[in-house]
């Protein structure tokens, strides 16, 4: 019986090191893009629809890259060509975005940046499954979580630190502060350097070697019930079209067209799959989606509520904290930019706490198991987000970031530990891409409905988006109880 050899600590360190740069870029995007949009003239109501590019790009790119990387082998290997290509494209977008002359340019560059980050990020998840034996995969995901926390801490703090060191933090109307611009330049260098380090310091098993390694038997795919698929396809298509009419007839927020259109598109994809006979990426991805392992199907609900909350936090914290805790909604004011920098500190704090939580979570898992540990961490994050409404001293906002940090570290590791034994090695990339559907779909949902919910129920106050996010994390915690815990998983490190 052939098994993958265990790797040393430093080999796992090197193979995960590129995630430092990927998360550096991702954190700069999350903490500063809303600020850039508002600086270039966007209103708070416009922010969600401008952010739609990010999750929509991931929904399209990740399964395609997963499918392609499963079938790639060349001089750089199987996954590494995608690490490198994505890093180069993301670096170019990082250098250009803070120099955007208009809002539409910045929105386009967000699309390019997020697509490029996804090109690098998706194969990194599959890389752990390729290179590590089952017993070491949780350690690999925990190592990725560590680098995610470390990279995000530094990236989120950069504008605040640069302002402290005397770099100009307020720009003329229509311009981006030097603190943000210089942070993006540093981010490009860190991203490219860390990914190149992983590319040159790691090797990959060729496809024929992966096939001879003995892995745990994959879950037998469910048989597709085509009449049911066709029925669901028609239902989703009709519901989506009715939704489009409803949004138009009652002149609701334009981003709700995305939600209705997405529902229709999913129904149409189900109907197309029922008639497509030609082999290709569409047929394979849709087939794997319809026959996904039961563990993935149950985890989908956990991911949906978890990432809805995270996206609400990322796009509304700057506007909410600047308005409530610093008393300004004017992106050209000193108070607003001071508040925006403080949000960078808060984001750095939760990522720092996440890096520490990555050390604590294995102890939690040994005591309570994967499911209960994830529930506890999600509820800690939910309490943290809700407390933004109750705290008035911005310094005390660091306290709820402890809970958010534990939730973030848990979201980045425990769902993958719950899932990893159920994925066949030859489809690791495409299944990780499909699993990421349940990361990007809730982000599209958040971008579609949050503006509407805030206007109708909360008088347009952005701070209440964080309260909705907190409630969503509580629901995610309840949902994880429906996931079966693998008997072989007793720890994540």
Protein backbone atom coordinates (compact mmCIF):
# COMPACT_ATOMS: atom_id res chain seq x y z
CA UNK A 1 0.00 0.00 0.00
CA UNK A 2 1.49 3.33 -1.10
CA UNK A 3 0.86 6.40 1.00
CA UNK A 4 2.01 9.96 0.64
CA UNK A 5 5.05 10.59 2.84
CA UNK A 6 4.64 13.07 5.66
CA UNK A 7 6.30 16.43 5.07
CA UNK A 8 8.44 18.32 7.55
CA UNK A 9 7.29 21.48 9.29
CA UNK A 10 9.43 23.66 7.03
CA UNK A 11 8.22 21.95 3.87
CA UNK A 12 4.65 22.72 4.90
CA UNK A 13 5.76 26.25 5.82
CA UNK A 14 7.22 26.80 2.34
CA UNK A 15 4.21 25.39 0.49
CA UNK A 16 1.86 27.69 2.45
CA UNK A 17 4.09 30.79 2.50
CA UNK A 18 2.53 32.21 -0.67
CA UNK A 19 -0.73 32.63 1.22
CA UNK A 20 0.98 35.43 3.16
CA UNK A 21 1.06 37.58 0.02
CA UNK A 22 -2.35 36.50 -1.25
CA UNK A 23 -3.96 37.50 2.03
CA UNK A 24 -1.91 40.70 2.13
CA UNK A 25 -3.55 41.73 -1.14
CA UNK A 26 -6.96 40.46 -0.04
CA UNK A 27 -6.79 42.41 3.23
CA UNK A 28 -5.78 45.62 1.46
CA UNK A 29 -8.78 45.13 -0.82
CA UNK A 30 -11.21 44.45 2.03
CA UNK A 31 -10.06 47.30 4.26
CA UNK A 32 -9.56 50.02 1.64
CA UNK A 33 -11.67 49.52 -1.49
CA UNK A 34 -14.86 50.96 0.06
CA UNK A 35 -12.75 53.93 1.15
CA UNK A 36 -11.39 54.35 -2.40
CA UNK A 37 -14.89 54.14 -3.85
CA UNK A 38 -16.22 56.81 -1.48
CA UNK A 39 -13.19 59.01 -2.11
CA UNK A 40 -13.92 58.81 -5.84
CA UNK A 41 -17.52 59.91 -5.31
CA UNK A 42 -19.55 56.79 -4.48
CA UNK A 43 -22.34 57.09 -1.93
CA UNK A 44 -22.88 54.57 0.85
CA UNK A 45 -25.88 53.24 -1.09
CA UNK A 46 -23.66 52.59 -4.14
CA UNK A 47 -21.03 50.55 -2.29
CA UNK A 48 -22.75 47.13 -2.34
CA UNK A 49 -23.36 47.12 -6.09
CA UNK A 50 -19.76 48.25 -6.72
CA UNK A 51 -18.55 45.32 -4.62
CA UNK A 52 -20.59 42.83 -6.64
CA UNK A 53 -17.62 42.35 -8.96
CA UNK A 54 -15.64 40.54 -6.27
CA UNK A 55 -17.95 37.60 -5.46
CA UNK A 56 -19.30 37.34 -9.02
CA UNK A 57 -15.73 36.95 -10.26
CA UNK A 58 -15.03 34.22 -7.72
CA UNK A 59 -18.20 32.34 -8.67
CA UNK A 60 -17.01 32.12 -12.28
CA UNK A 61 -13.24 31.86 -11.88
CA UNK A 62 -12.76 29.39 -9.03
CA UNK A 63 -14.42 26.29 -10.53
CA UNK A 64 -12.83 27.01 -13.90
CA UNK A 65 -9.37 27.28 -12.35
CA UNK A 66 -10.00 24.18 -10.22
CA UNK A 67 -11.08 22.21 -13.29
CA UNK A 68 -8.11 23.44 -15.33
CA UNK A 69 -5.50 22.88 -12.62
CA UNK A 70 -6.71 19.29 -12.12
CA UNK A 71 -5.73 18.73 -15.76
CA UNK A 72 -2.50 20.75 -15.89
CA UNK A 73 1.06 19.46 -15.82
CA UNK A 74 4.11 21.34 -17.06
CA UNK A 75 7.55 22.55 -16.04
CA UNK A 76 6.12 24.41 -13.04
CA UNK A 77 3.84 21.53 -12.06
CA UNK A 78 0.11 21.31 -11.56
CA UNK A 79 -0.99 24.16 -9.27
CA UNK A 80 2.07 26.44 -9.23
CA UNK A 81 1.53 27.97 -12.71
CA UNK A 82 -1.77 29.37 -11.41
CA UNK A 83 -0.16 30.70 -8.21
CA UNK A 84 2.35 32.65 -10.28
CA UNK A 85 0.02 33.92 -13.02
CA UNK A 86 -2.52 35.13 -10.47
CA UNK A 87 0.17 36.87 -8.41
CA UNK A 88 1.54 38.78 -11.41
CA UNK A 89 -1.93 39.98 -12.46
CA UNK A 90 -2.91 40.93 -8.90
CA UNK A 91 0.32 42.90 -8.45
CA UNK A 92 -0.45 44.93 -11.57
CA UNK A 93 -3.96 45.69 -10.28
CA UNK A 94 -2.60 46.68 -6.85
CA UNK A 95 -0.22 49.17 -8.44
CA UNK A 96 -2.93 50.70 -10.62
CA UNK A 97 -6.02 50.85 -8.37
CA UNK A 98 -4.94 53.67 -5.98
CA UNK A 99 -4.11 55.75 -9.06
CA UNK A 100 -7.61 55.39 -10.52
CA UNK A 101 -8.81 58.62 -12.07
CA UNK A 102 -12.50 57.72 -11.93
CA UNK A 103 -14.90 55.50 -10.02
CA UNK A 104 -15.56 53.21 -12.99
CA UNK A 105 -11.82 52.53 -13.34
CA UNK A 106 -11.55 51.55 -9.66
CA UNK A 107 -14.62 49.28 -9.98
CA UNK A 108 -13.12 47.61 -13.06
CA UNK A 109 -9.81 47.09 -11.28
CA UNK A 110 -11.61 45.50 -8.33
CA UNK A 111 -12.99 42.98 -10.81
CA UNK A 112 -9.51 42.33 -12.23
CA UNK A 113 -7.91 42.16 -8.78
CA UNK A 114 -10.45 39.75 -7.36
CA UNK A 115 -10.31 37.50 -10.41
CA UNK A 116 -6.52 37.41 -10.17
CA UNK A 117 -6.54 36.69 -6.42
CA UNK A 118 -8.92 33.81 -7.09
CA UNK A 119 -6.60 32.42 -9.78
CA UNK A 120 -3.91 32.10 -7.09
CA UNK A 121 -6.06 31.28 -4.07
CA UNK A 122 -8.20 28.40 -5.33
CA UNK A 123 -5.29 26.10 -6.31
CA UNK A 124 -3.64 26.75 -2.91
CA UNK A 125 -6.55 24.94 -1.19
CA UNK A 126 -6.21 21.98 -3.56
CA UNK A 127 -2.40 22.11 -3.14
CA UNK A 128 -2.75 20.99 0.49
CA UNK A 129 -4.84 18.01 -0.58
CA UNK A 130 -2.34 17.11 -3.31
CA UNK A 131 0.82 17.28 -1.25
CA UNK A 132 -0.13 16.15 2.24
CA UNK A 133 -1.38 12.83 3.58
CA UNK A 134 -4.78 12.93 5.21
CA UNK A 135 -3.33 13.13 8.71
CA UNK A 136 -1.40 16.32 7.85
CA UNK A 137 -4.06 18.17 5.86
CA UNK A 138 -5.58 19.89 8.90
CA UNK A 139 -2.08 21.11 9.81
CA UNK A 140 -1.69 22.46 6.29
CA UNK A 141 -4.96 24.38 6.51
CA UNK A 142 -4.00 25.66 9.97
CA UNK A 143 -0.67 26.86 8.53
CA UNK A 144 -2.56 28.67 5.79
CA UNK A 145 -4.73 30.28 8.47
CA UNK A 146 -1.60 31.45 10.27
CA UNK A 147 -0.24 33.14 7.16
CA UNK A 148 -3.68 34.58 6.40
CA UNK A 149 -3.71 36.18 9.85
CA UNK A 150 -0.13 37.42 9.65
CA UNK A 151 -0.47 38.93 6.17
CA UNK A 152 -3.77 40.58 6.97
CA UNK A 153 -2.46 42.13 10.20
CA UNK A 154 0.36 43.94 8.46
CA UNK A 155 -1.73 44.90 5.42
CA UNK A 156 -4.61 46.26 7.47
CA UNK A 157 -2.29 48.28 9.71
CA UNK A 158 -0.26 49.85 6.91
CA UNK A 159 -2.34 53.00 6.25
CA UNK A 160 -2.53 53.70 10.00
CA UNK A 161 1.22 53.18 10.46
CA UNK A 162 2.12 55.28 7.44
CA UNK A 163 -0.05 58.13 8.73
CA UNK A 164 1.68 57.81 12.11
CA UNK A 165 5.04 58.07 10.34
CA UNK A 166 4.00 61.29 8.61
CA UNK A 167 2.63 60.15 5.25
CA UNK A 168 -0.27 62.32 4.06
CA UNK A 169 -3.59 60.75 5.05
CA UNK A 170 -6.02 63.20 3.41
CA UNK A 171 -6.23 63.74 -0.34
CA UNK A 172 -7.84 66.45 -2.42
CA UNK A 173 -11.42 65.70 -3.59
CA UNK A 174 -11.35 62.87 -6.12
CA UNK A 175 -7.90 61.66 -5.01
CA UNK A 176 -6.70 58.73 -2.90
CA UNK A 177 -4.60 59.46 0.22
CA UNK A 178 -0.89 58.68 -0.01
CA UNK A 179 -1.22 56.29 2.93
CA UNK A 180 -3.51 54.05 0.86
CA UNK A 181 -1.50 54.39 -2.34
CA UNK A 182 1.80 53.46 -0.68
CA UNK A 183 0.15 50.52 1.12
CA UNK A 184 -0.96 49.07 -2.22
CA UNK A 185 2.57 49.42 -3.59
CA UNK A 186 3.99 47.50 -0.63
CA UNK A 187 1.25 44.89 -1.06
CA UNK A 188 2.26 44.22 -4.64
CA UNK A 189 5.86 43.55 -3.63
CA UNK A 190 4.88 41.26 -0.74
CA UNK A 191 2.43 39.30 -2.87
CA UNK A 192 4.80 38.65 -5.74
CA UNK A 193 7.76 37.85 -3.47
CA UNK A 194 5.93 35.34 -1.26
CA UNK A 195 4.28 33.48 -4.14
CA UNK A 196 7.60 33.24 -6.01
CA UNK A 197 9.12 31.77 -2.83
CA UNK A 198 6.50 29.01 -2.74
CA UNK A 199 6.91 28.32 -6.46
CA UNK A 200 10.71 27.89 -6.26
CA UNK A 201 10.86 26.12 -2.88
CA UNK A 202 8.25 23.40 -3.42
CA UNK A 203 7.77 20.48 -5.75
CA UNK A 204 4.60 18.76 -6.83
CA UNK A 205 3.76 15.10 -7.32
CA UNK A 206 3.14 14.35 -11.02
CA UNK A 207 -0.34 13.02 -11.88
CA UNK A 208 0.85 9.44 -12.27
CA UNK A 209 2.40 9.53 -8.78
CA UNK A 210 -0.80 10.90 -7.25
CA UNK A 211 -2.75 8.03 -8.80
CA UNK A 212 -0.65 5.36 -7.08
CA UNK A 213 -0.91 6.88 -3.61
CA UNK A 214 -3.47 5.03 -1.55
CA UNK A 215 -6.02 7.47 -0.16
CA UNK A 216 -9.19 6.96 1.79
CA UNK A 217 -12.01 5.78 -0.48
CA UNK A 218 -14.02 8.67 -1.84
CA UNK A 219 -17.72 8.93 -1.12
CA UNK A 220 -19.82 7.24 -3.82
CA UNK A 221 -21.53 9.99 -5.80
CA UNK A 222 -25.28 10.14 -5.62
CA UNK A 223 -27.27 9.13 -8.69
CA UNK A 224 -28.76 12.12 -10.48
CA UNK A 225 -32.56 12.15 -10.63
CA UNK A 226 -33.03 13.96 -13.92
CA UNK A 227 -36.82 14.59 -13.66
CA UNK A 228 -36.21 16.28 -10.33
CA UNK A 229 -33.32 18.34 -11.76
CA UNK A 230 -35.52 19.52 -14.63
CA UNK A 231 -38.32 20.39 -12.23
CA UNK A 232 -36.01 22.39 -9.99
CA UNK A 233 -34.50 24.08 -13.03
CA UNK A 234 -37.92 25.27 -14.21
CA UNK A 235 -38.83 26.41 -10.70
CA UNK A 236 -35.66 28.45 -10.21
CA UNK A 237 -35.97 29.97 -13.70
CA UNK A 238 -39.57 31.07 -13.15
CA UNK A 239 -38.91 32.41 -9.65
CA UNK A 240 -35.98 34.45 -10.94
CA UNK A 241 -37.94 35.92 -13.84
CA UNK A 242 -40.80 36.86 -11.52
CA UNK A 243 -38.22 38.50 -9.26
CA UNK A 244 -36.85 40.57 -12.16
CA UNK A 245 -40.38 41.76 -12.98
CA UNK A 246 -41.05 42.57 -9.32
CA UNK A 247 -37.88 44.65 -8.96
CA UNK A 248 -38.69 46.54 -12.15
CA UNK A 249 -42.37 47.05 -11.35
CA UNK A 250 -41.77 48.39 -7.86
CA UNK A 251 -38.53 50.22 -8.72
CA UNK A 252 -36.51 48.53 -6.00
CA UNK A 253 -32.71 48.76 -5.58
CA UNK A 254 -30.95 47.91 -8.82
CA UNK A 255 -28.65 45.40 -7.11
CA UNK A 256 -31.72 43.20 -6.52
CA UNK A 257 -31.63 42.50 -10.25
CA UNK A 258 -28.46 40.54 -9.55
CA UNK A 259 -30.23 38.32 -7.04
CA UNK A 260 -33.18 37.66 -9.33
CA UNK A 261 -30.92 37.19 -12.34
CA UNK A 262 -28.71 34.77 -10.41
CA UNK A 263 -31.73 32.65 -9.47
CA UNK A 264 -32.80 32.50 -13.13
CA UNK A 265 -29.26 31.71 -14.28
CA UNK A 266 -29.03 28.78 -11.85
CA UNK A 267 -32.33 27.39 -13.12
CA UNK A 268 -31.14 27.76 -16.70
CA UNK A 269 -27.87 25.95 -15.87
CA UNK A 270 -29.81 23.02 -14.41
CA UNK A 271 -31.95 22.80 -17.54
CA UNK A 272 -28.92 23.03 -19.84
CA UNK A 273 -27.11 20.28 -17.93
CA UNK A 274 -30.10 17.97 -18.42
CA UNK A 275 -29.64 18.17 -22.21
CA UNK A 276 -25.86 18.67 -22.63
CA UNK A 277 -24.04 15.55 -23.82
CA UNK A 278 -20.72 17.08 -24.91
CA UNK A 279 -17.89 16.57 -22.44
CA UNK A 280 -16.38 19.78 -21.12
CA UNK A 281 -15.98 22.05 -18.14
CA UNK A 282 -19.67 23.01 -17.91
CA UNK A 283 -20.88 19.41 -17.92
CA UNK A 284 -18.24 18.29 -15.43
CA UNK A 285 -18.74 21.15 -12.96
CA UNK A 286 -22.53 20.85 -13.03
CA UNK A 287 -22.35 17.06 -12.65
CA UNK A 288 -20.01 17.36 -9.67
CA UNK A 289 -22.26 20.05 -8.18
CA UNK A 290 -25.30 17.78 -8.44
CA UNK A 291 -23.43 14.77 -6.99
CA UNK A 292 -21.41 16.54 -4.31
CA UNK A 293 -20.67 14.61 -1.09
CA UNK A 294 -23.30 14.92 1.61
CA UNK A 295 -20.79 16.62 3.94
CA UNK A 296 -20.30 19.40 1.39
CA UNK A 297 -24.05 19.78 0.93
CA UNK A 298 -24.57 20.25 4.67
CA UNK A 299 -21.56 22.53 5.05
CA UNK A 300 -22.99 24.75 2.29
CA UNK A 301 -25.48 26.23 4.76
CA UNK A 302 -22.77 26.88 7.32
CA UNK A 303 -20.66 28.65 4.72
CA UNK A 304 -23.60 30.64 3.37
CA UNK A 305 -24.43 32.28 6.70
CA UNK A 306 -20.76 32.65 7.69
CA UNK A 307 -19.66 34.46 4.55
CA UNK A 308 -22.76 36.63 4.40
CA UNK A 309 -21.65 38.00 7.76
CA UNK A 310 -18.04 38.49 6.68
CA UNK A 311 -19.01 40.35 3.53
CA UNK A 312 -21.34 42.62 5.50
CA UNK A 313 -18.42 43.44 7.79
CA UNK A 314 -15.96 44.07 4.98
CA UNK A 315 -18.10 46.46 2.96
CA UNK A 316 -19.83 48.38 5.77
CA UNK A 317 -17.41 48.65 8.69
CA UNK A 318 -15.61 51.70 7.30
CA UNK A 319 -18.83 53.64 6.67
CA UNK A 320 -20.39 52.50 9.95
CA UNK A 321 -17.45 53.25 12.23
CA UNK A 322 -16.67 56.58 10.55
CA UNK A 323 -20.28 57.70 10.97
CA UNK A 324 -21.07 56.38 14.46
CA UNK A 325 -17.72 56.47 16.24
CA UNK A 326 -15.98 59.37 14.49
CA UNK A 327 -19.00 61.49 13.53
CA UNK A 328 -18.40 61.88 9.81
CA UNK A 329 -19.75 60.48 6.54
CA UNK A 330 -17.68 62.84 4.36
CA UNK A 331 -14.82 60.83 2.77
CA UNK A 332 -12.80 64.02 2.27
CA UNK A 333 -12.86 64.98 5.95
CA UNK A 334 -10.07 64.34 8.43
CA UNK A 335 -12.51 62.64 10.82
CA UNK A 336 -13.68 60.17 8.18
CA UNK A 337 -10.12 59.26 7.17
CA UNK A 338 -9.07 58.91 10.80
CA UNK A 339 -11.99 56.53 11.27
CA UNK A 340 -11.09 54.64 8.10
CA UNK A 341 -7.54 54.17 9.35
CA UNK A 342 -8.91 52.93 12.67
CA UNK A 343 -10.95 50.34 10.76
CA UNK A 344 -7.64 49.19 9.30
CA UNK A 345 -6.38 48.74 12.85
CA UNK A 346 -9.52 46.80 13.78
CA UNK A 347 -9.12 44.55 10.76
CA UNK A 348 -5.48 44.01 11.66
CA UNK A 349 -6.57 43.17 15.20
CA UNK A 350 -9.07 40.50 14.21
CA UNK A 351 -6.52 38.93 11.88
CA UNK A 352 -3.92 39.02 14.64
CA UNK A 353 -6.35 37.37 17.02
CA UNK A 354 -7.08 34.84 14.26
CA UNK A 355 -3.40 33.92 14.09
CA UNK A 356 -3.44 33.31 17.85
CA UNK A 357 -6.76 31.48 17.58
CA UNK A 358 -5.15 29.10 15.09
CA UNK A 359 -3.01 27.91 18.02
CA UNK A 360 -5.98 27.60 20.40
CA UNK A 361 -8.50 25.95 18.07
CA UNK A 362 -6.69 22.57 18.01
CA UNK A 363 -7.05 22.44 21.81
CA UNK A 364 -10.74 23.26 21.49
CA UNK A 365 -11.20 20.51 18.91
CA UNK A 366 -9.49 17.92 21.11
CA UNK A 367 -11.88 18.79 23.93
CA UNK A 368 -15.18 19.43 22.10
CA UNK A 369 -14.73 18.16 18.55
CA UNK A 370 -14.90 20.00 15.24
CA UNK A 371 -18.60 20.86 15.19
CA UNK A 372 -18.98 22.28 18.70
CA UNK A 373 -15.69 24.18 18.40
CA UNK A 374 -16.85 25.78 15.15
CA UNK A 375 -20.21 26.66 16.73
CA UNK A 376 -18.52 28.36 19.70
CA UNK A 377 -16.20 30.35 17.45
CA UNK A 378 -19.01 31.46 15.13
CA UNK A 379 -21.06 32.65 18.11
CA UNK A 380 -18.07 34.56 19.48
CA UNK A 381 -17.83 36.34 16.12
CA UNK A 382 -21.56 37.04 16.09
CA UNK A 383 -21.40 38.63 19.54
CA UNK A 384 -18.46 40.73 18.39
CA UNK A 385 -20.27 42.17 15.37
CA UNK A 386 -23.47 42.94 17.30
CA UNK A 387 -21.46 44.79 19.97
CA UNK A 388 -20.44 47.46 17.41
CA UNK A 389 -23.92 48.89 17.90
CA UNK A 390 -23.48 49.06 21.68
CA UNK A 391 -19.91 50.38 22.01
CA UNK A 392 -19.33 54.10 21.54
CA UNK A 393 -15.63 54.48 22.43
CA UNK A 394 -13.70 53.44 19.28
CA UNK A 395 -10.80 52.15 21.38
CA UNK A 396 -13.09 49.55 22.93
CA UNK A 397 -13.94 48.20 19.46
CA UNK A 398 -10.74 46.19 19.75
CA UNK A 399 -12.50 43.90 22.24
CA UNK A 400 -15.12 42.46 19.85
CA UNK A 401 -12.33 41.84 17.36
CA UNK A 402 -11.24 38.95 19.61
CA UNK A 403 -14.50 37.15 18.84
CA UNK A 404 -14.34 38.06 15.16
CA UNK A 405 -10.76 36.73 15.04
CA UNK A 406 -11.77 33.37 16.47
CA UNK A 407 -14.65 33.14 14.00
CA UNK A 408 -12.37 34.04 11.08
CA UNK A 409 -9.70 31.47 12.02
CA UNK A 410 -12.38 28.83 12.47
CA UNK A 411 -14.08 29.61 9.14
CA UNK A 412 -10.74 29.27 7.35
CA UNK A 413 -9.88 25.86 8.79
CA UNK A 414 -12.61 23.78 10.42
CA UNK A 415 -14.99 23.50 7.43
CA UNK A 416 -12.08 22.16 5.38
CA UNK A 417 -11.19 19.70 8.14
CA UNK A 418 -14.82 18.54 8.18
CA UNK A 419 -14.78 18.18 4.38
CA UNK A 420 -11.31 16.98 3.38
CA UNK A 421 -11.83 13.20 3.76
CA UNK A 422 -14.81 13.27 1.39
CA UNK A 423 -13.08 14.59 -1.74
CA UNK A 424 -11.53 12.31 -4.38
CA UNK A 425 -7.90 13.22 -5.06
CA UNK A 426 -8.35 13.39 -8.85
CA UNK A 427 -11.06 16.04 -8.44
CA UNK A 428 -9.59 17.99 -5.53
CA UNK A 429 -9.31 21.22 -7.53
CA UNK A 430 -12.78 21.25 -9.06
CA UNK A 431 -14.45 20.27 -5.78
CA UNK A 432 -12.62 23.00 -3.90
CA UNK A 433 -13.83 25.39 -6.58
CA UNK A 434 -17.40 24.16 -6.17
CA UNK A 435 -17.10 24.41 -2.38
CA UNK A 436 -16.16 28.04 -2.89
CA UNK A 437 -19.56 28.56 -4.56
CA UNK A 438 -20.84 28.63 -1.00
CA UNK A 439 -18.37 31.36 -0.17
CA UNK A 440 -19.15 33.66 -3.09
CA UNK A 441 -22.93 33.09 -3.36
CA UNK A 442 -23.56 34.55 0.12
CA UNK A 443 -21.36 37.49 -0.81
CA UNK A 444 -23.50 38.08 -3.90
CA UNK A 445 -26.56 37.77 -1.69
CA UNK A 446 -25.14 40.32 0.74
CA UNK A 447 -24.26 42.73 -2.05
CA UNK A 448 -27.78 42.34 -3.46
CA UNK A 449 -29.95 42.69 -0.36
CA UNK A 450 -28.00 44.60 2.31
CA UNK A 451 -28.63 48.01 0.78
CA UNK A 452 -32.35 47.24 0.51
CA UNK A 453 -32.53 45.93 4.10
CA UNK A 454 -30.69 48.94 5.50
CA UNK A 455 -32.95 51.40 3.67
CA UNK A 456 -36.23 49.70 4.53
CA UNK A 457 -35.59 48.66 8.13
CA UNK A 458 -32.68 50.75 9.47
CA UNK A 459 -32.98 54.21 7.84
CA UNK A 460 -29.84 53.57 5.76
CA UNK A 461 -27.53 53.38 8.81
CA UNK A 462 -24.52 51.19 7.79
CA UNK A 463 -23.75 50.11 11.37
CA UNK A 464 -26.80 47.84 11.27
CA UNK A 465 -25.19 45.76 8.51
CA UNK A 466 -22.80 44.53 11.20
CA UNK A 467 -25.74 43.60 13.43
CA UNK A 468 -27.25 41.57 10.58
CA UNK A 469 -23.85 39.95 10.11
CA UNK A 470 -23.72 39.01 13.77
CA UNK A 471 -27.16 37.38 13.58
CA UNK A 472 -26.04 35.48 10.47
CA UNK A 473 -23.06 34.01 12.37
CA UNK A 474 -25.40 32.78 15.10
CA UNK A 475 -27.49 30.96 12.47
CA UNK A 476 -24.29 29.51 10.95
CA UNK A 477 -23.43 28.10 14.36
CA UNK A 478 -26.76 26.29 14.59
CA UNK A 479 -26.30 24.99 11.02
CA UNK A 480 -22.98 23.29 11.78
CA UNK A 481 -24.75 20.90 14.15
CA UNK A 482 -26.26 19.20 11.09
CA UNK A 483 -22.83 18.22 9.72
CA UNK A 484 -21.50 14.74 10.51
CA UNK A 485 -18.10 14.84 12.17
CA UNK A 486 -15.44 12.51 10.67
CA UNK A 487 -14.44 9.90 13.22
CA UNK A 488 -10.80 10.18 12.18
CA UNK A 489 -10.61 13.92 12.86
CA UNK A 490 -9.87 14.72 16.45
CA UNK A 491 -7.65 17.74 15.94
CA UNK A 492 -6.58 20.26 13.37
CA UNK A 493 -2.92 20.37 14.19
